[in-house]
Structures are given as C-alpha cells and as structure tokens.
Amino acid sequence: MRLIYEADMAHRLPLELLDIREREFRLDDDTAAYARTLVEAVSDNRDDLDATIGLLTPAWPVDQMARLDVAIMRIALAEIDAGDTPVAVAINEAVELSKRYCAQGAAPMINGALGSYVRQGAPAASDPRG
C-alpha cells in the first residue's frame, strides 16, 4: 500500500520505488516476490483499475478521491482479479487498512465498492476460496 500511494503522490513508477525500498523494508524472499507481483499488477493495470473504481464509486470521481483510498482499492481489485487471495480476505484487508489510515467514511465506501465489484461478477468472485 505504501509503495502504491508513494508512487502516486511522487509521480514515480511503483516498481522503481520497490527496488529502492526493498532493502529498507527488509522483506524475506517470499514477501518480496509477492510484493513485486502485486505492485506489477497494479502498475500494469492502473488505468483499468481506476476505470473500475470510477464505475464502482460514481459519487466520488477517482481524480477527486483521497489518494490513499485509491491505492487501497487498486490493490484490493488487483488481488481479487488475480484470484490468488480469497475475495473475502482481499476485501477485509482493504477495509482494515482504510480504517487504520484513511478518513472516517473511507472504510464503508471501500467495503461497498469492493462488495459491489464481486457481486457484479469480478473475475475471481466464483473462486470457491472467497
């Protein structure tokens, strides 16, 4: 989340920041590989993710949303689309992050938007694990 948010705020590539921060975060090999996969998925699909967020939150245009809210939603959507993380876990993580780091109304908005995405037939929504 931190990398996606920082990249957005600093107008830098998330993978560039990951290369810099990987040593700082002292990630084990498995965590580093997962972080890289997730950062790549968000980076490669940013425009599509933002378009999806815009459809899910018509009252909050993406360019006017808090950047941290957008970062959390991008990550959750990328996890849901990849199908490697159970849908319920991806949504719960996003909601918990928003409760901890975002403004008061962010958690219900993120929960509702992601729940709507799954109900509308997200790629991994039929995953028996989610």
Protein backbone atom coordinates (compact mmCIF):
# COMPACT_ATOMS: atom_id res chain seq x y z
CA MET A 1 0.00 0.00 0.00
CA ARG A 2 2.77 2.38 0.94
CA LEU A 3 4.53 1.94 -2.41
CA ILE A 4 1.40 2.41 -4.49
CA TYR A 5 0.48 5.52 -2.51
CA GLU A 6 4.01 6.95 -2.58
CA ALA A 7 4.31 6.36 -6.32
CA ASP A 8 1.02 8.16 -6.91
CA MET A 9 1.99 11.12 -4.75
CA ALA A 10 5.56 11.42 -6.07
CA HIS A 11 4.62 10.65 -9.70
CA ARG A 12 7.13 7.81 -9.81
CA LEU A 13 6.89 4.23 -11.00
CA PRO A 14 5.91 1.82 -8.21
CA LEU A 15 8.45 -0.77 -9.37
CA GLU A 16 11.19 1.84 -9.23
CA LEU A 17 10.23 2.61 -5.64
CA LEU A 18 10.02 -1.09 -4.80
CA ASP A 19 13.60 -1.57 -5.96
CA ILE A 20 14.67 1.27 -3.68
CA ARG A 21 12.51 0.28 -0.72
CA GLU A 22 13.03 -3.49 -0.86
CA ARG A 23 16.23 -3.22 1.18
CA GLU A 24 14.66 -0.68 3.53
CA PHE A 25 11.68 -2.93 4.26
CA ARG A 26 13.96 -5.96 4.85
CA LEU A 27 11.50 -8.31 3.20
CA ASP A 28 12.04 -12.04 3.14
CA ASP A 29 12.18 -13.62 -0.32
CA ASP A 30 8.54 -14.80 -0.37
CA THR A 31 7.17 -11.46 0.81
CA ALA A 32 9.37 -9.57 -1.65
CA ALA A 33 8.16 -11.78 -4.52
CA TYR A 34 4.51 -11.27 -3.55
CA ALA A 35 5.02 -7.50 -3.19
CA ARG A 36 6.65 -7.38 -6.63
CA THR A 37 3.80 -9.37 -8.20
CA LEU A 38 1.18 -7.13 -6.62
CA VAL A 39 2.99 -3.90 -7.49
CA GLU A 40 3.40 -5.11 -11.09
CA ALA A 41 -0.31 -5.99 -11.30
CA VAL A 42 -1.33 -2.56 -10.04
CA SER A 43 1.19 -0.77 -12.26
CA ASP A 44 0.34 -2.72 -15.41
CA ASN A 45 -3.41 -2.28 -14.94
CA ARG A 46 -3.61 1.14 -13.32
CA ASP A 47 -5.88 2.72 -15.95
CA ASP A 48 -8.26 -0.25 -15.95
CA LEU A 49 -8.29 -0.36 -12.14
CA ASP A 50 -9.05 3.36 -11.98
CA ALA A 51 -11.83 2.97 -14.54
CA THR A 52 -13.32 0.19 -12.43
CA ILE A 53 -13.05 2.31 -9.29
CA GLY A 54 -14.82 5.12 -11.13
CA LEU A 55 -17.69 2.81 -12.07
CA LEU A 56 -17.94 1.49 -8.52
CA THR A 57 -17.87 4.93 -6.88
CA PRO A 58 -19.82 7.27 -9.17
CA ALA A 59 -20.37 9.75 -6.32
CA TRP A 60 -16.59 10.01 -5.83
CA PRO A 61 -14.65 10.64 -9.06
CA VAL A 62 -11.29 8.86 -8.89
CA ASP A 63 -9.30 12.03 -9.53
CA GLN A 64 -11.05 13.67 -6.57
CA MET A 65 -10.72 10.74 -4.15
CA ALA A 66 -8.09 10.64 -1.44
CA ARG A 67 -5.00 9.06 -3.00
CA LEU A 68 -4.70 6.54 -0.17
CA ASP A 69 -8.29 5.37 -0.73
CA VAL A 70 -7.47 4.86 -4.40
CA ALA A 71 -4.25 2.99 -3.60
CA ILE A 72 -6.08 0.61 -1.26
CA MET A 73 -8.81 -0.03 -3.81
CA ARG A 74 -6.30 -0.62 -6.62
CA ILE A 75 -4.53 -3.22 -4.52
CA ALA A 76 -7.73 -4.98 -3.48
CA LEU A 77 -9.05 -5.08 -7.05
CA ALA A 78 -5.72 -6.44 -8.31
CA GLU A 79 -5.79 -9.14 -5.62
CA ILE A 80 -9.39 -10.04 -6.42
CA ASP A 81 -8.68 -10.16 -10.16
CA ALA A 82 -5.57 -12.31 -9.71
CA GLY A 83 -7.57 -14.91 -7.80
CA ASP A 84 -4.63 -15.86 -5.55
CA THR A 85 -6.13 -14.23 -2.47
CA PRO A 86 -9.59 -15.24 -1.27
CA VAL A 87 -12.05 -12.48 -2.12
CA ALA A 88 -13.20 -12.06 1.48
CA VAL A 89 -9.59 -11.68 2.63
CA ALA A 90 -8.80 -9.05 -0.02
CA ILE A 91 -11.87 -7.03 0.95
CA ASN A 92 -11.25 -7.39 4.68
CA GLU A 93 -7.62 -6.27 4.31
CA ALA A 94 -8.70 -3.23 2.30
CA VAL A 95 -11.33 -2.28 4.86
CA GLU A 96 -8.92 -2.73 7.78
CA LEU A 97 -6.26 -0.63 6.05
CA SER A 98 -8.80 2.09 5.38
CA LYS A 99 -9.98 2.05 9.00
CA ARG A 100 -6.40 2.49 10.14
CA TYR A 101 -5.07 5.01 7.64
CA CYS A 102 -7.96 6.79 5.88
CA ALA A 103 -10.68 9.27 6.75
CA GLN A 104 -13.70 8.04 8.68
CA GLY A 105 -16.00 7.48 5.69
CA ALA A 106 -13.48 5.57 3.62
CA ALA A 107 -13.99 2.09 5.09
CA PRO A 108 -17.73 1.85 4.34
CA MET A 109 -17.18 3.29 0.85
CA ILE A 110 -14.36 0.83 0.08
CA ASN A 111 -16.29 -2.10 1.53
CA GLY A 112 -19.37 -1.21 -0.51
CA ALA A 113 -17.45 -0.65 -3.72
CA LEU A 114 -15.49 -3.91 -3.47
CA GLY A 115 -18.59 -5.85 -2.46
CA SER A 116 -20.40 -4.43 -5.47
CA TYR A 117 -17.49 -5.43 -7.71
CA VAL A 118 -17.70 -9.01 -6.51
CA ARG A 119 -21.48 -9.14 -6.84
CA GLN A 120 -21.20 -7.79 -10.41
CA GLY A 121 -19.07 -10.76 -11.40
CA ALA A 122 -15.43 -9.96 -10.64
CA PRO A 123 -13.11 -12.49 -12.29
CA ALA A 124 -12.31 -14.30 -9.01
CA ALA A 125 -15.80 -13.97 -7.50
CA SER A 126 -16.60 -17.55 -8.44
CA ASP A 127 -13.47 -18.70 -6.60
CA PRO A 128 -14.61 -21.26 -4.01
CA ARG A 129 -11.99 -19.93 -1.56
CA GLY A 130 -13.55 -16.43 -1.47
